[in-house]
Amino acid sequence: MRATTSTEGWAYLEVMDSNGKKVYNEKIGFPEGTVIYPVSLTAYPKGVYTARLELPDGQVQFNKIVLQ
């Protein structure tokens, strides 16, 4: 995931399956600026997932992930 934040601090990453069930979560130390954070979902079944990333400055980003 790629994100830009104006504040250094903790970010919270959650990944939910197509039913809204949380399948992954992580607390990540984010520096100020642009960060590319790798997330591997290779161990998860095929399907559609939603990643929610809450940044230290309060921004919330959502990304759709399709595993085929």
N, C-alpha and C. Protein backbone atom coordinates (compact mmCIF):
# COMPACT_ATOMS: atom_id res chain seq x y z
N MET A 1 0.83 -1.17 0.00
CA MET A 1 0.00 0.00 0.00
C MET A 1 0.88 1.24 0.00
N ARG A 2 0.42 2.24 -0.70
CA ARG A 2 1.16 3.50 -0.77
C ARG A 2 0.33 4.58 -0.09
N ALA A 3 0.97 5.34 0.78
CA ALA A 3 0.26 6.39 1.50
C ALA A 3 1.19 7.56 1.77
N THR A 4 0.61 8.75 1.86
CA THR A 4 1.35 9.96 2.19
C THR A 4 0.70 10.58 3.42
N THR A 5 1.52 10.89 4.41
CA THR A 5 1.01 11.50 5.63
C THR A 5 1.90 12.69 6.01
N SER A 6 1.29 13.67 6.63
CA SER A 6 2.03 14.86 7.05
C SER A 6 2.50 14.74 8.50
N THR A 7 2.20 13.63 9.14
CA THR A 7 2.51 13.45 10.55
C THR A 7 3.16 12.09 10.79
N GLU A 8 4.24 12.08 11.54
CA GLU A 8 4.87 10.81 11.94
C GLU A 8 4.05 10.21 13.08
N GLY A 9 3.95 8.88 13.09
CA GLY A 9 3.22 8.23 14.18
C GLY A 9 2.75 6.85 13.78
N TRP A 10 1.72 6.37 14.47
CA TRP A 10 1.21 5.03 14.23
C TRP A 10 0.08 5.03 13.22
N ALA A 11 0.13 4.06 12.32
CA ALA A 11 -0.96 3.82 11.36
C ALA A 11 -1.55 2.46 11.69
N TYR A 12 -2.81 2.29 11.33
CA TYR A 12 -3.51 1.03 11.60
C TYR A 12 -4.04 0.47 10.29
N LEU A 13 -3.60 -0.74 9.98
CA LEU A 13 -4.01 -1.41 8.75
C LEU A 13 -4.93 -2.56 9.09
N GLU A 14 -6.07 -2.61 8.41
CA GLU A 14 -7.01 -3.72 8.54
C GLU A 14 -7.36 -4.22 7.15
N VAL A 15 -7.49 -5.52 7.00
CA VAL A 15 -7.95 -6.12 5.74
C VAL A 15 -9.19 -6.93 6.06
N MET A 16 -10.27 -6.68 5.31
CA MET A 16 -11.53 -7.38 5.49
C MET A 16 -11.87 -8.18 4.24
N ASP A 17 -12.51 -9.33 4.44
CA ASP A 17 -12.95 -10.12 3.29
C ASP A 17 -14.26 -9.55 2.74
N SER A 18 -14.83 -10.20 1.73
CA SER A 18 -16.03 -9.67 1.08
C SER A 18 -17.25 -9.68 1.99
N ASN A 19 -17.20 -10.41 3.11
CA ASN A 19 -18.29 -10.43 4.08
C ASN A 19 -18.10 -9.40 5.19
N GLY A 20 -17.00 -8.64 5.14
CA GLY A 20 -16.71 -7.64 6.15
C GLY A 20 -15.98 -8.18 7.36
N LYS A 21 -15.59 -9.45 7.32
CA LYS A 21 -14.86 -10.05 8.43
C LYS A 21 -13.39 -9.62 8.37
N LYS A 22 -12.87 -9.14 9.50
CA LYS A 22 -11.48 -8.72 9.57
C LYS A 22 -10.58 -9.96 9.52
N VAL A 23 -9.69 -10.02 8.52
CA VAL A 23 -8.81 -11.17 8.37
C VAL A 23 -7.35 -10.84 8.67
N TYR A 24 -7.05 -9.55 8.80
CA TYR A 24 -5.67 -9.12 9.05
C TYR A 24 -5.71 -7.74 9.69
N ASN A 25 -4.85 -7.51 10.68
CA ASN A 25 -4.68 -6.16 11.20
C ASN A 25 -3.25 -6.00 11.71
N GLU A 26 -2.78 -4.78 11.64
CA GLU A 26 -1.40 -4.49 12.03
C GLU A 26 -1.27 -3.02 12.41
N LYS A 27 -0.47 -2.75 13.43
CA LYS A 27 -0.12 -1.38 13.82
C LYS A 27 1.26 -1.12 13.23
N ILE A 28 1.40 -0.02 12.49
CA ILE A 28 2.62 0.25 11.73
C ILE A 28 3.16 1.63 12.10
N GLY A 29 4.45 1.71 12.39
CA GLY A 29 5.10 3.00 12.60
C GLY A 29 5.34 3.67 11.26
N PHE A 30 4.75 4.85 11.05
CA PHE A 30 4.86 5.56 9.78
C PHE A 30 5.67 6.83 9.98
N PRO A 31 6.68 7.07 9.12
CA PRO A 31 7.36 8.36 9.13
C PRO A 31 6.54 9.39 8.36
N GLU A 32 6.88 10.64 8.51
CA GLU A 32 6.23 11.68 7.71
C GLU A 32 6.65 11.51 6.26
N GLY A 33 5.73 11.76 5.34
CA GLY A 33 6.04 11.67 3.91
C GLY A 33 5.30 10.52 3.25
N THR A 34 5.85 10.07 2.12
CA THR A 34 5.24 8.98 1.36
C THR A 34 5.89 7.66 1.72
N VAL A 35 5.06 6.67 1.97
CA VAL A 35 5.53 5.35 2.37
C VAL A 35 4.86 4.30 1.47
N ILE A 36 5.64 3.34 1.03
CA ILE A 36 5.08 2.16 0.35
C ILE A 36 5.28 1.00 1.31
N TYR A 37 4.15 0.43 1.76
CA TYR A 37 4.19 -0.64 2.75
C TYR A 37 3.70 -1.93 2.10
N PRO A 38 4.56 -2.95 2.01
CA PRO A 38 4.15 -4.20 1.36
C PRO A 38 3.21 -5.02 2.25
N VAL A 39 2.17 -5.55 1.65
CA VAL A 39 1.24 -6.45 2.35
C VAL A 39 1.08 -7.68 1.49
N SER A 40 1.37 -8.85 2.05
CA SER A 40 1.24 -10.10 1.31
C SER A 40 -0.02 -10.83 1.75
N LEU A 41 -0.87 -11.13 0.79
CA LEU A 41 -2.08 -11.89 1.06
C LEU A 41 -2.05 -13.24 0.35
N THR A 42 -0.88 -13.73 0.04
CA THR A 42 -0.77 -14.99 -0.72
C THR A 42 -1.32 -16.19 0.04
N ALA A 43 -1.39 -16.12 1.35
CA ALA A 43 -1.90 -17.24 2.15
C ALA A 43 -3.43 -17.23 2.25
N TYR A 44 -4.08 -16.21 1.70
CA TYR A 44 -5.53 -16.08 1.80
C TYR A 44 -6.20 -16.66 0.56
N PRO A 45 -7.45 -17.13 0.71
CA PRO A 45 -8.16 -17.68 -0.44
C PRO A 45 -8.46 -16.60 -1.49
N LYS A 46 -8.72 -17.05 -2.71
CA LYS A 46 -9.09 -16.13 -3.78
C LYS A 46 -10.36 -15.39 -3.38
N GLY A 47 -10.45 -14.15 -3.82
CA GLY A 47 -11.64 -13.36 -3.52
C GLY A 47 -11.33 -11.88 -3.52
N VAL A 48 -12.30 -11.11 -3.05
CA VAL A 48 -12.18 -9.65 -3.01
C VAL A 48 -12.01 -9.23 -1.54
N TYR A 49 -11.03 -8.40 -1.31
CA TYR A 49 -10.72 -7.91 0.03
C TYR A 49 -10.68 -6.39 0.02
N THR A 50 -10.92 -5.79 1.16
CA THR A 50 -10.82 -4.34 1.31
C THR A 50 -9.78 -4.04 2.37
N ALA A 51 -8.82 -3.21 2.03
CA ALA A 51 -7.80 -2.78 2.98
C ALA A 51 -8.16 -1.37 3.46
N ARG A 52 -8.12 -1.19 4.77
CA ARG A 52 -8.40 0.11 5.38
C ARG A 52 -7.15 0.54 6.13
N LEU A 53 -6.62 1.70 5.78
CA LEU A 53 -5.42 2.22 6.40
C LEU A 53 -5.73 3.56 7.04
N GLU A 54 -5.60 3.62 8.37
CA GLU A 54 -5.80 4.87 9.10
C GLU A 54 -4.43 5.45 9.42
N LEU A 55 -4.12 6.62 8.87
CA LEU A 55 -2.81 7.24 8.98
C LEU A 55 -2.70 8.08 10.26
N PRO A 56 -1.46 8.39 10.67
CA PRO A 56 -1.25 9.18 11.90
C PRO A 56 -1.93 10.54 11.88
N ASP A 57 -2.11 11.14 10.70
CA ASP A 57 -2.74 12.47 10.63
C ASP A 57 -4.27 12.40 10.55
N GLY A 58 -4.83 11.19 10.69
CA GLY A 58 -6.28 11.02 10.70
C GLY A 58 -6.90 10.64 9.38
N GLN A 59 -6.13 10.70 8.29
CA GLN A 59 -6.66 10.29 7.00
C GLN A 59 -6.98 8.79 7.03
N VAL A 60 -8.01 8.40 6.30
CA VAL A 60 -8.33 6.98 6.16
C VAL A 60 -8.39 6.67 4.68
N GLN A 61 -7.65 5.63 4.28
CA GLN A 61 -7.62 5.21 2.88
C GLN A 61 -8.18 3.80 2.76
N PHE A 62 -8.91 3.57 1.69
CA PHE A 62 -9.44 2.24 1.40
C PHE A 62 -8.90 1.79 0.05
N ASN A 63 -8.52 0.52 -0.04
CA ASN A 63 -8.08 -0.07 -1.31
C ASN A 63 -8.78 -1.40 -1.50
N LYS A 64 -9.24 -1.64 -2.71
CA LYS A 64 -9.84 -2.94 -3.04
C LYS A 64 -8.73 -3.84 -3.56
N ILE A 65 -8.72 -5.08 -3.07
CA ILE A 65 -7.70 -6.06 -3.48
C ILE A 65 -8.44 -7.27 -4.03
N VAL A 66 -8.09 -7.69 -5.25
CA VAL A 66 -8.69 -8.87 -5.85
C VAL A 66 -7.63 -9.94 -5.99
N LEU A 67 -7.85 -11.08 -5.32
CA LEU A 67 -6.94 -12.22 -5.43
C LEU A 67 -7.56 -13.22 -6.38
N GLN A 68 -6.81 -13.57 -7.43
CA GLN A 68 -7.31 -14.50 -8.43
C GLN A 68 -6.51 -15.77 -8.47
